[in-house]
């Protein structure tokens, strides 16, 4: 009996082992048929784990099978952390030789100006020493001469080279790499130099050149002004997600409800790794891998929570990005709903887009999908949540429901006693009130409920829907800034909370939490800042903090 395929979340997909869709169908801005015929060099950029490597290997197999040329996949990931260009080029040479050997292709000999004795010493030395400690001096043109030689060896077929993980190259290493490719560009052709080269990574090439030049803008003399296209790999659309699971249905008979499919798309926004992870957990962990029970919305919801709590490598990498101050600023602006007309035009925002952290929907900058929203907020509040003492006050009603009134009254006490000291230690200034409230709520609801969060640039608020014991509680968070007045912010908040309540549950208890962050508020006593009133017209509890 042949082994069943499964949904893959680790490394490139292949159709023999994994359910997968042709990644080339998601290429945006590319003309694959022209790249070889017209001898073009191009760039492909997309966030991690969206299918770039899967596409490259699939396309290379297609080219080699058709006889159209000799396509070679070369990852330069081993160059990560190497700042010396000669050592980096030597590492890339080794990767080329490894690929050629494994693929039963002719192995290009090293630069002819380097003696055979050096080659022997290099390989003997490399067996016992890390590449970063090798101090042999080699020609700066090693990569170029290697590609010339390789082109000669595979002739009369054209050579196509697909360089993956190019984003690990930095500074002078990146400049040297690009200059050597440009140096051979004019002579490209069968037997002379690769007819087509793809450079693949997280960001568009101009961004790496700017980084390599210490932030200086790209000029017409940039070392890779020979690219034809900058293509992208898009997310799945709704139909893609249905087609992906349909492969499992065809093989095993297992069905999935339309409601569950819609939820997968809603939570992932089509991000390929998230889609596969939800399907994988639902079919292999929530249900037994051999089960043919229909997948429902509840199965996918359980898979979502497991995935977030497990902090798998992909999601952990997102959390790590928050250590970058530029990224932290962008995320903080989105959490607070700041209206900043230049936000989406900033280099930091473009970097966040290239990393797949943020997107622009209907002209509004926001986090790329609900899963990332949850992971990012949990990371931003994690240390704070751990520092909040276990509640000893009554936060549940006798019937097991959440006593939200008592919970928020306790938060007001906590804010009064700790906010000034804790804010001084926080990495987030503007979003500190939002984050402390969410950490406080998460401390109580962990294991017994969940919090849905809506935030994006320009909204001027944070919407929270706390679900506990099957009941929803709506919380709207507003800030009074120096240019606002309490009356204006209060009225805005009441209108906004009504719209959110209509979306979630019209009968849900609703709370408007207002933090006064105006400079003059520092002169007010805590008794003046802390308040609790009821707007009976809208049936909303209003908290002043």
Protein backbone atom coordinates (compact mmCIF):
# COMPACT_ATOMS: atom_id res chain seq x y z
CA UNK A 1 0.00 0.00 0.00
CA UNK A 2 1.47 3.33 -1.03
CA UNK A 3 1.97 5.96 1.64
CA UNK A 4 -0.62 8.72 1.77
CA UNK A 5 0.41 12.23 0.89
CA UNK A 6 0.10 14.95 3.50
CA UNK A 7 0.00 18.73 3.86
CA UNK A 8 3.57 19.96 4.10
CA UNK A 9 4.89 22.77 6.34
CA UNK A 10 8.60 21.94 6.40
CA UNK A 11 10.76 22.68 3.39
CA UNK A 12 9.93 22.47 -0.33
CA UNK A 13 6.93 20.45 -1.51
CA UNK A 14 7.07 17.65 -4.05
CA UNK A 15 3.98 16.12 -5.68
CA UNK A 16 4.89 12.53 -4.78
CA UNK A 17 4.75 13.17 -1.02
CA UNK A 18 2.68 16.29 -0.53
CA UNK A 19 -0.62 17.80 -1.53
CA UNK A 20 0.37 20.84 -3.55
CA UNK A 21 -0.67 23.22 -6.31
CA UNK A 22 1.65 24.33 -9.14
CA UNK A 23 3.40 27.37 -7.60
CA UNK A 24 4.09 28.91 -11.00
CA UNK A 25 0.35 29.64 -11.25
CA UNK A 26 0.84 32.22 -8.47
CA UNK A 27 3.67 34.13 -10.11
CA UNK A 28 2.85 37.80 -10.57
CA UNK A 29 4.78 39.95 -13.04
CA UNK A 30 6.75 37.12 -14.64
CA UNK A 31 7.03 35.74 -18.17
CA UNK A 32 8.72 32.39 -17.70
CA UNK A 33 8.58 31.46 -21.37
CA UNK A 34 10.67 34.53 -22.28
CA UNK A 35 13.44 34.27 -19.67
CA UNK A 36 15.32 31.50 -21.46
CA UNK A 37 14.38 32.31 -25.06
CA UNK A 38 15.30 35.99 -24.76
CA UNK A 39 18.26 35.43 -22.38
CA UNK A 40 16.91 37.50 -19.50
CA UNK A 41 17.99 37.95 -15.88
CA UNK A 42 15.23 38.46 -13.31
CA UNK A 43 14.31 38.66 -9.65
CA UNK A 44 11.67 36.76 -7.66
CA UNK A 45 10.81 37.98 -4.18
CA UNK A 46 8.19 36.82 -1.67
CA UNK A 47 7.94 36.22 2.07
CA UNK A 48 9.32 33.05 3.60
CA UNK A 49 7.39 29.81 3.18
CA UNK A 50 5.18 30.97 0.38
CA UNK A 51 6.54 28.43 -2.13
CA UNK A 52 9.61 30.09 -3.70
CA UNK A 53 11.94 27.10 -3.33
CA UNK A 54 9.17 24.70 -4.34
CA UNK A 55 8.66 26.75 -7.51
CA UNK A 56 12.38 26.93 -8.33
CA UNK A 57 12.92 23.18 -8.00
CA UNK A 58 9.73 22.41 -9.90
CA UNK A 59 10.66 24.76 -12.75
CA UNK A 60 14.21 23.39 -12.85
CA UNK A 61 12.83 19.84 -13.21
CA UNK A 62 10.52 20.99 -15.98
CA UNK A 63 13.36 22.66 -17.92
CA UNK A 64 15.68 19.69 -17.55
CA UNK A 65 12.99 17.18 -18.50
CA UNK A 66 11.99 19.13 -21.60
CA UNK A 67 15.60 19.41 -22.77
CA UNK A 68 15.16 23.17 -23.17
CA UNK A 69 18.34 23.72 -21.21
CA UNK A 70 20.29 22.78 -18.09
CA UNK A 71 18.64 24.40 -15.09
CA UNK A 72 20.59 24.50 -11.84
CA UNK A 73 19.18 25.32 -8.42
CA UNK A 74 21.81 26.86 -6.12
CA UNK A 75 21.01 28.02 -2.60
CA UNK A 76 23.52 30.51 -1.19
CA UNK A 77 22.16 30.15 2.34
CA UNK A 78 25.55 28.85 3.52
CA UNK A 79 26.89 32.38 3.06
CA UNK A 80 24.82 33.73 5.93
CA UNK A 81 27.07 35.63 8.34
CA UNK A 82 30.07 35.66 6.00
CA UNK A 83 31.30 39.23 5.46
CA UNK A 84 34.47 38.48 3.48
CA UNK A 85 33.64 38.36 -0.22
CA UNK A 86 36.40 35.89 -1.11
CA UNK A 87 35.23 33.38 1.47
CA UNK A 88 31.65 33.89 0.35
CA UNK A 89 32.51 33.25 -3.31
CA UNK A 90 34.39 30.12 -2.28
CA UNK A 91 31.29 28.96 -0.40
CA UNK A 92 29.07 29.56 -3.45
CA UNK A 93 31.59 27.67 -5.58
CA UNK A 94 31.31 24.72 -3.21
CA UNK A 95 27.48 24.87 -3.40
CA UNK A 96 27.63 24.86 -7.21
CA UNK A 97 29.93 21.85 -7.19
CA UNK A 98 27.68 20.04 -4.72
CA UNK A 99 24.60 20.60 -6.88
CA UNK A 100 26.40 19.59 -10.06
CA UNK A 101 27.67 16.41 -8.45
CA UNK A 102 24.30 15.41 -6.98
CA UNK A 103 22.54 16.16 -10.28
CA UNK A 104 25.12 14.18 -12.29
CA UNK A 105 26.13 17.31 -14.18
CA UNK A 106 29.68 18.23 -15.15
CA UNK A 107 31.42 19.81 -12.17
CA UNK A 108 33.05 23.15 -13.08
CA UNK A 109 36.70 23.29 -12.09
CA UNK A 110 37.82 26.19 -9.95
CA UNK A 111 39.34 29.35 -11.45
CA UNK A 112 42.22 28.27 -13.71
CA UNK A 113 44.52 30.77 -12.00
CA UNK A 114 44.29 28.70 -8.82
CA UNK A 115 46.54 25.65 -8.73
CA UNK A 116 45.31 22.07 -8.45
CA UNK A 117 47.24 21.91 -5.18
CA UNK A 118 45.03 24.64 -3.80
CA UNK A 119 41.91 22.68 -4.74
CA UNK A 120 43.17 19.62 -2.88
CA UNK A 121 44.14 21.69 0.15
CA UNK A 122 40.76 23.44 0.08
CA UNK A 123 38.71 20.25 0.10
CA UNK A 124 40.94 18.55 2.69
CA UNK A 125 40.84 21.63 4.90
CA UNK A 126 37.10 22.03 4.51
CA UNK A 127 36.45 18.53 5.88
CA UNK A 128 37.77 19.57 9.30
CA UNK A 129 37.30 23.36 9.37
CA UNK A 130 34.31 25.65 9.03
CA UNK A 131 34.21 27.74 5.88
CA UNK A 132 34.41 30.97 7.89
CA UNK A 133 37.90 30.10 9.15
CA UNK A 134 39.47 29.46 5.72
CA UNK A 135 41.91 32.21 4.89
CA UNK A 136 43.14 31.12 1.47
CA UNK A 137 43.19 34.08 -0.95
CA UNK A 138 41.40 33.44 -4.22
CA UNK A 139 40.49 35.50 -7.22
CA UNK A 140 37.68 38.03 -6.79
CA UNK A 141 36.33 36.73 -10.13
CA UNK A 142 35.83 33.15 -8.93
CA UNK A 143 32.04 33.11 -9.39
CA UNK A 144 32.21 34.61 -12.87
CA UNK A 145 34.92 32.24 -14.08
CA UNK A 146 33.07 29.27 -12.56
CA UNK A 147 29.87 30.14 -14.43
CA UNK A 148 31.86 30.59 -17.66
CA UNK A 149 33.39 27.15 -17.21
CA UNK A 150 30.08 25.57 -16.28
CA UNK A 151 28.44 27.02 -19.39
CA UNK A 152 31.18 25.47 -21.51
CA UNK A 153 30.69 22.06 -19.91
CA UNK A 154 26.91 21.86 -20.46
CA UNK A 155 27.01 23.18 -24.04
CA UNK A 156 25.37 22.80 -26.53
CA UNK A 157 22.55 23.30 -24.04
CA UNK A 158 22.07 26.72 -22.47
CA UNK A 159 22.78 27.09 -18.74
CA UNK A 160 20.06 28.55 -16.48
CA UNK A 161 20.99 29.25 -12.86
CA UNK A 162 18.43 29.83 -10.11
CA UNK A 163 20.08 31.41 -7.05
CA UNK A 164 17.93 31.01 -3.93
CA UNK A 165 18.19 32.73 -0.51
CA UNK A 166 20.04 35.70 -2.03
CA UNK A 167 18.89 37.85 0.89
CA UNK A 168 21.55 36.32 3.16
CA UNK A 169 24.27 38.12 1.18
CA UNK A 170 25.15 41.49 2.69
CA UNK A 171 27.47 44.44 2.18
CA UNK A 172 30.51 43.86 0.00
CA UNK A 173 29.58 40.20 -0.46
CA UNK A 174 26.34 41.20 -2.18
CA UNK A 175 28.08 43.85 -4.30
CA UNK A 176 30.80 41.38 -5.38
CA UNK A 177 28.19 38.72 -6.21
CA UNK A 178 26.16 41.09 -8.38
CA UNK A 179 29.20 42.62 -10.10
CA UNK A 180 30.43 39.21 -11.22
CA UNK A 181 27.03 38.34 -12.67
CA UNK A 182 26.89 41.66 -14.46
CA UNK A 183 30.44 41.14 -15.68
CA UNK A 184 29.36 38.06 -17.63
CA UNK A 185 26.00 39.41 -18.76
CA UNK A 186 27.16 40.95 -22.03
CA UNK A 187 28.72 37.67 -23.18
CA UNK A 188 25.87 35.43 -22.01
CA UNK A 189 24.96 32.65 -24.38
CA UNK A 190 25.41 28.94 -24.95
CA UNK A 191 28.92 27.92 -23.92
CA UNK A 192 29.80 31.41 -22.69
CA UNK A 193 27.78 32.37 -19.62
CA UNK A 194 24.33 31.50 -18.19
CA UNK A 195 21.63 32.66 -20.60
CA UNK A 196 19.25 33.32 -17.74
CA UNK A 197 19.74 33.89 -14.02
CA UNK A 198 17.07 34.23 -11.33
CA UNK A 199 17.84 35.86 -7.99
CA UNK A 200 15.36 34.81 -5.34
CA UNK A 201 14.82 36.08 -1.82
CA UNK A 202 12.56 37.96 0.58
CA UNK A 203 12.93 41.41 -0.92
CA UNK A 204 13.30 43.08 -4.27
CA UNK A 205 16.93 43.39 -5.32
CA UNK A 206 17.08 47.17 -5.13
CA UNK A 207 16.39 46.91 -1.39
CA UNK A 208 19.43 44.68 -0.89
CA UNK A 209 21.60 47.02 -2.92
CA UNK A 210 20.47 49.96 -0.77
CA UNK A 211 21.27 47.93 2.37
CA UNK A 212 24.66 46.92 0.98
CA UNK A 213 25.42 50.59 0.33
CA UNK A 214 24.61 51.61 3.92
CA UNK A 215 21.25 53.03 2.94
CA UNK A 216 22.41 55.08 -0.05
CA UNK A 217 19.89 55.16 -2.92
CA UNK A 218 20.43 52.98 -5.97
CA UNK A 219 21.97 54.83 -8.92
CA UNK A 220 22.10 53.94 -12.62
CA UNK A 221 25.52 52.35 -12.09
CA UNK A 222 24.18 49.81 -9.61
CA UNK A 223 25.80 46.39 -10.01
CA UNK A 224 22.63 44.69 -11.21
CA UNK A 225 20.94 47.14 -13.55
CA UNK A 226 20.45 44.29 -16.00
CA UNK A 227 17.35 42.64 -14.54
CA UNK A 228 14.28 42.30 -16.73
CA UNK A 229 11.55 41.75 -14.12
CA UNK A 230 10.86 41.78 -10.41
CA UNK A 231 8.26 39.06 -9.99
CA UNK A 232 6.29 38.11 -6.89
CA UNK A 233 4.64 34.93 -5.62
CA UNK A 234 1.09 35.65 -4.49
CA UNK A 235 -0.94 33.98 -1.76
CA UNK A 236 -3.64 31.38 -2.46
CA UNK A 237 -7.04 32.62 -3.52
CA UNK A 238 -10.19 30.96 -2.14
CA UNK A 239 -10.45 28.51 -5.04
CA UNK A 240 -6.83 27.43 -4.50
CA UNK A 241 -7.58 26.40 -0.91
CA UNK A 242 -10.58 24.35 -2.04
CA UNK A 243 -8.52 22.70 -4.81
CA UNK A 244 -5.73 21.89 -2.38
CA UNK A 245 -8.01 20.02 0.03
CA UNK A 246 -9.85 18.42 -2.90
CA UNK A 247 -6.66 16.42 -3.56
CA UNK A 248 -7.05 14.78 -0.15
CA UNK A 249 -10.76 14.21 -0.76
CA UNK A 250 -9.96 12.47 -4.02
CA UNK A 251 -7.35 10.21 -2.38
CA UNK A 252 -9.05 9.45 0.94
CA UNK A 253 -12.70 10.42 0.59
CA UNK A 254 -12.42 12.91 3.47
CA UNK A 255 -14.67 15.92 3.00
CA UNK A 256 -14.51 19.45 4.41
CA UNK A 257 -17.41 21.81 5.01
CA UNK A 258 -17.66 25.09 3.11
CA UNK A 259 -17.79 26.88 6.46
CA UNK A 260 -14.41 25.37 7.40
CA UNK A 261 -12.88 26.31 4.04
CA UNK A 262 -14.11 29.88 4.41
CA UNK A 263 -12.59 30.08 7.89
CA UNK A 264 -9.22 28.82 6.63
CA UNK A 265 -9.16 31.59 4.05
CA UNK A 266 -10.38 34.21 6.52
CA UNK A 267 -7.69 33.34 9.08
CA UNK A 268 -4.82 32.89 6.61
CA UNK A 269 -5.66 35.41 3.88
CA UNK A 270 -4.32 32.67 1.63
CA UNK A 271 -0.80 32.51 3.16
CA UNK A 272 0.37 29.07 1.92
CA UNK A 273 2.17 27.94 5.08
CA UNK A 274 -0.79 28.81 7.31
CA UNK A 275 -3.23 27.03 4.99
CA UNK A 276 -1.12 23.87 4.98
CA UNK A 277 -0.53 24.07 8.72
CA UNK A 278 -4.25 24.33 9.51
CA UNK A 279 -5.05 21.41 7.21
CA UNK A 280 -2.14 19.35 8.54
CA UNK A 281 -3.06 19.82 12.20
CA UNK A 282 -6.75 19.21 11.55
CA UNK A 283 -6.19 16.00 9.59
CA UNK A 284 -3.26 14.53 11.54
CA UNK A 285 -3.71 15.80 15.12
CA UNK A 286 -7.29 16.90 15.70
CA UNK A 287 -8.40 13.85 13.71
CA UNK A 288 -6.40 10.70 13.14
CA UNK A 289 -4.50 10.72 9.85
CA UNK A 290 -6.49 7.70 8.67
CA UNK A 291 -9.86 9.21 9.56
CA UNK A 292 -12.37 10.06 6.85
CA UNK A 293 -14.58 12.09 9.18
CA UNK A 294 -15.67 15.36 7.59
CA UNK A 295 -13.55 18.34 8.63
CA UNK A 296 -15.68 21.01 10.27
CA UNK A 297 -15.25 24.60 11.41
CA UNK A 298 -14.62 23.42 14.97
CA UNK A 299 -11.75 21.17 13.83
CA UNK A 300 -10.09 24.11 12.08
CA UNK A 301 -10.60 26.37 15.09
CA UNK A 302 -8.88 23.81 17.31
CA UNK A 303 -6.04 23.53 14.80
CA UNK A 304 -5.67 27.33 14.80
CA UNK A 305 -5.34 27.52 18.58
CA UNK A 306 -2.88 24.60 18.67
CA UNK A 307 -0.77 26.22 15.97
CA UNK A 308 -0.60 29.56 17.80
CA UNK A 309 0.20 27.98 21.16
CA UNK A 310 2.88 25.71 19.66
CA UNK A 311 4.74 28.72 18.21
CA UNK A 312 6.02 26.74 15.25
CA UNK A 313 9.21 27.92 13.56
CA UNK A 314 7.46 30.08 10.99
CA UNK A 315 5.41 31.91 13.62
CA UNK A 316 8.37 32.16 15.97
CA UNK A 317 10.32 33.89 13.20
CA UNK A 318 7.59 36.54 13.01
CA UNK A 319 7.95 37.20 16.72
CA UNK A 320 11.71 37.52 16.30
CA UNK A 321 11.16 40.29 13.74
CA UNK A 322 9.72 42.50 16.49
CA UNK A 323 13.24 42.94 17.86
CA UNK A 324 13.87 45.26 14.92
CA UNK A 325 12.98 48.83 16.05
CA UNK A 326 11.73 49.78 12.56
CA UNK A 327 9.33 46.85 12.47
CA UNK A 328 8.28 47.49 16.05
CA UNK A 329 7.35 51.09 15.13
CA UNK A 330 5.16 49.93 12.22
CA UNK A 331 3.35 47.32 14.29
CA UNK A 332 2.81 49.78 17.14
CA UNK A 333 1.28 52.28 14.71
CA UNK A 334 -1.16 49.64 13.51
CA UNK A 335 -2.12 48.58 17.05
CA UNK A 336 -2.96 52.15 18.04
CA UNK A 337 -4.77 52.82 14.76
CA UNK A 338 -2.56 55.85 14.14
CA UNK A 339 -3.43 58.02 11.14
CA UNK A 340 -0.10 58.56 9.45
CA UNK A 341 -0.30 59.46 5.74
CA UNK A 342 3.38 58.64 5.19
CA UNK A 343 3.29 55.28 7.00
CA UNK A 344 2.77 53.10 3.92
CA UNK A 345 5.44 55.02 1.99
CA UNK A 346 8.18 54.44 4.56
CA UNK A 347 11.08 52.09 4.01
CA UNK A 348 10.15 50.30 7.25
CA UNK A 349 6.64 49.58 5.97
CA UNK A 350 7.96 48.29 2.64
CA UNK A 351 10.29 46.00 4.56
CA UNK A 352 7.33 44.70 6.59
CA UNK A 353 5.41 44.07 3.36
CA UNK A 354 8.32 42.16 1.84
CA UNK A 355 8.52 40.04 4.98
CA UNK A 356 4.82 39.26 4.66
CA UNK A 357 3.96 40.88 8.01
CA UNK A 358 1.67 43.59 6.69
CA UNK A 359 -0.50 44.29 3.70
CA UNK A 360 -2.72 47.04 2.31
CA UNK A 361 -6.41 46.24 1.94
CA UNK A 362 -8.85 48.77 0.54
CA UNK A 363 -6.16 51.42 0.96
CA UNK A 364 -5.64 50.60 4.65
CA UNK A 365 -2.29 49.30 6.03
CA UNK A 366 -2.85 46.35 8.34
CA UNK A 367 -1.38 43.07 9.59
CA UNK A 368 -1.34 40.49 6.81
CA UNK A 369 -3.84 38.04 8.35
CA UNK A 370 -5.66 37.25 11.63
CA UNK A 371 -3.17 34.51 12.59
CA UNK A 372 -0.27 36.97 12.42
CA UNK A 373 -2.36 39.53 14.33
CA UNK A 374 -2.77 37.06 17.16
CA UNK A 375 0.84 35.85 17.19
CA UNK A 376 2.26 39.38 17.09
CA UNK A 377 0.06 40.66 19.92
CA UNK A 378 0.77 37.61 22.07
CA UNK A 379 4.49 38.19 21.57
CA UNK A 380 4.17 41.90 22.37
CA UNK A 381 2.26 41.14 25.60
CA UNK A 382 3.94 37.88 26.63
CA UNK A 383 6.44 39.19 29.18
CA UNK A 384 3.86 41.61 30.60
CA UNK A 385 1.31 38.83 30.93
CA UNK A 386 3.79 36.69 32.88
CA UNK A 387 4.54 39.60 35.21
CA UNK A 388 0.88 40.09 36.11
CA UNK A 389 0.13 38.18 39.34
CA UNK A 390 -2.39 35.36 39.25
CA UNK A 391 -5.79 36.92 40.01
CA UNK A 392 -7.07 36.22 43.51
CA UNK A 393 -10.21 38.35 43.12
CA UNK A 394 -13.52 37.06 41.80
CA UNK A 395 -13.51 37.21 38.00
CA UNK A 396 -16.09 34.51 37.33
CA UNK A 397 -19.77 34.46 38.13
CA UNK A 398 -21.25 31.45 39.97
CA UNK A 399 -22.59 30.13 36.64
CA UNK A 400 -19.09 30.10 35.12
CA UNK A 401 -19.51 33.19 32.96
CA UNK A 402 -16.88 35.92 32.90
CA UNK A 403 -17.54 38.76 35.36
CA UNK A 404 -16.34 41.43 32.97
CA UNK A 405 -17.43 44.31 35.19
CA UNK A 406 -15.29 43.06 38.05
CA UNK A 407 -12.43 42.21 35.70
CA UNK A 408 -12.27 45.75 34.28
CA UNK A 409 -12.64 47.32 37.72
CA UNK A 410 -9.58 45.33 38.77
CA UNK A 411 -7.78 46.49 35.61
CA UNK A 412 -8.43 50.10 36.59
CA UNK A 413 -6.83 49.42 39.99
CA UNK A 414 -3.90 47.71 38.25
CA UNK A 415 -3.48 50.62 35.81
CA UNK A 416 -3.52 53.12 38.67
CA UNK A 417 -0.88 51.25 40.69
CA UNK A 418 1.51 49.98 38.03
CA UNK A 419 1.17 51.77 34.68
CA UNK A 420 3.71 54.56 35.25
CA UNK A 421 6.51 52.22 36.36
CA UNK A 422 5.75 49.52 33.80
CA UNK A 423 5.56 51.99 30.93
CA UNK A 424 9.12 53.13 31.62
CA UNK A 425 10.31 49.56 31.04
CA UNK A 426 8.21 48.93 27.93
CA UNK A 427 9.55 48.89 24.36
CA UNK A 428 6.22 50.32 23.26
CA UNK A 429 5.20 53.84 24.25
CA UNK A 430 2.18 54.69 22.10
CA UNK A 431 0.65 51.20 22.28
CA UNK A 432 1.45 50.57 25.94
CA UNK A 433 -2.16 51.07 27.23
CA UNK A 434 -3.56 48.73 24.58
CA UNK A 435 -0.93 46.08 25.28
CA UNK A 436 -1.29 46.20 29.06
CA UNK A 437 -5.07 45.80 28.83
CA UNK A 438 -4.72 42.88 26.42
CA UNK A 439 -2.11 41.21 28.64
CA UNK A 440 -4.44 41.62 31.62
CA UNK A 441 -7.36 40.07 29.73
CA UNK A 442 -5.20 37.25 28.32
CA UNK A 443 -3.96 36.42 31.83
CA UNK A 444 -7.52 35.59 32.85
CA UNK A 445 -8.98 34.10 29.66
CA UNK A 446 -6.08 31.74 28.84
CA UNK A 447 -7.41 28.22 28.54
CA UNK A 448 -11.04 29.22 28.96
CA UNK A 449 -11.74 31.56 26.08
CA UNK A 450 -10.18 33.63 23.35
CA UNK A 451 -9.81 37.23 22.21
CA UNK A 452 -10.50 38.41 18.68
CA UNK A 453 -8.64 41.63 17.84
CA UNK A 454 -9.14 44.10 15.04
CA UNK A 455 -6.57 46.81 14.45
CA UNK A 456 -5.22 48.69 11.45
CA UNK A 457 -3.76 52.07 10.54
CA UNK A 458 -6.17 54.98 10.51
CA UNK A 459 -8.93 53.28 12.54
CA UNK A 460 -8.15 55.33 15.64
CA UNK A 461 -9.12 52.46 17.91
CA UNK A 462 -8.58 48.84 18.92
CA UNK A 463 -11.56 46.46 18.85
CA UNK A 464 -11.59 43.44 21.16
CA UNK A 465 -14.18 40.67 21.25
CA UNK A 466 -13.61 38.50 24.31
CA UNK A 467 -15.33 35.11 24.08
CA UNK A 468 -15.67 33.14 27.29
CA UNK A 469 -17.97 30.23 28.11
CA UNK A 470 -19.81 30.81 24.83
CA UNK A 471 -20.58 34.48 25.53
CA UNK A 472 -19.08 37.56 23.84
CA UNK A 473 -18.00 40.83 25.47
CA UNK A 474 -17.16 43.83 23.28
CA UNK A 475 -14.34 46.19 24.31
CA UNK A 476 -13.35 49.31 22.39
CA UNK A 477 -10.04 51.01 23.28
CA UNK A 478 -9.63 54.72 22.53
CA UNK A 479 -6.87 57.24 23.26
CA UNK A 480 -7.30 60.96 23.98
CA UNK A 481 -4.32 62.63 22.29
CA UNK A 482 -3.22 66.27 22.64
CA UNK A 483 -5.35 67.31 19.66
CA UNK A 484 -8.54 65.67 20.99
CA UNK A 485 -11.07 66.37 23.71
CA UNK A 486 -12.68 63.78 26.01
CA UNK A 487 -16.16 64.59 24.65
CA UNK A 488 -15.13 64.05 20.99
CA UNK A 489 -13.30 60.78 21.74
CA UNK A 490 -16.22 59.52 23.82
CA UNK A 491 -18.77 60.19 21.07
CA UNK A 492 -16.54 58.65 18.39
CA UNK A 493 -16.04 55.59 20.56
CA UNK A 494 -19.77 55.09 21.15
CA UNK A 495 -20.46 55.16 17.41
CA UNK A 496 -17.57 52.84 16.63
CA UNK A 497 -18.45 50.36 19.34
CA UNK A 498 -22.00 50.11 18.02
CA UNK A 499 -20.71 49.17 14.59
CA UNK A 500 -18.42 46.50 16.03
CA UNK A 501 -21.19 45.20 18.30
CA UNK A 502 -23.48 44.83 15.27
CA UNK A 503 -20.80 42.73 13.60
CA UNK A 504 -20.10 40.42 16.56
CA UNK A 505 -23.25 40.19 18.68
CA UNK A 506 -25.85 42.94 19.02
CA UNK A 507 -26.75 41.74 22.53
CA UNK A 508 -23.15 41.48 23.79
CA UNK A 509 -22.19 43.61 26.83
CA UNK A 510 -20.08 46.51 25.56
CA UNK A 511 -17.29 48.54 27.19
CA UNK A 512 -15.52 51.68 26.01
CA UNK A 513 -12.08 52.06 27.62
CA UNK A 514 -10.56 55.54 27.21
CA UNK A 515 -6.95 56.36 28.10
CA UNK A 516 -6.12 60.04 28.50
CA UNK A 517 -2.63 60.54 27.04
CA UNK A 518 -2.70 64.33 26.74
CA UNK A 519 0.24 66.16 28.40
CA UNK A 520 -2.15 68.01 30.69
CA UNK A 521 -3.55 64.70 31.94
CA UNK A 522 -0.30 64.19 33.87
CA UNK A 523 -1.38 67.04 36.12
CA UNK A 524 -4.66 65.33 37.00
CA UNK A 525 -4.99 63.21 40.12
CA UNK A 526 -5.81 59.52 39.75
CA UNK A 527 -9.24 60.17 41.23
CA UNK A 528 -9.88 62.57 38.34
CA UNK A 529 -8.56 60.20 35.65
CA UNK A 530 -10.21 56.97 36.81
CA UNK A 531 -13.95 56.87 36.12
CA UNK A 532 -16.81 54.41 35.54
CA UNK A 533 -20.06 55.55 33.93
CA UNK A 534 -22.94 53.96 32.04
CA UNK A 535 -24.27 55.35 28.76
CA UNK A 536 -27.84 54.10 29.05
CA UNK A 537 -28.83 55.23 25.55
CA UNK A 538 -26.30 52.88 23.93
CA UNK A 539 -26.07 50.45 26.87
CA UNK A 540 -22.28 50.87 27.03
CA UNK A 541 -20.07 50.97 30.11
CA UNK A 542 -17.44 53.72 29.80
CA UNK A 543 -14.13 53.45 31.67
CA UNK A 544 -11.74 56.37 32.09
CA UNK A 545 -8.08 55.48 32.68
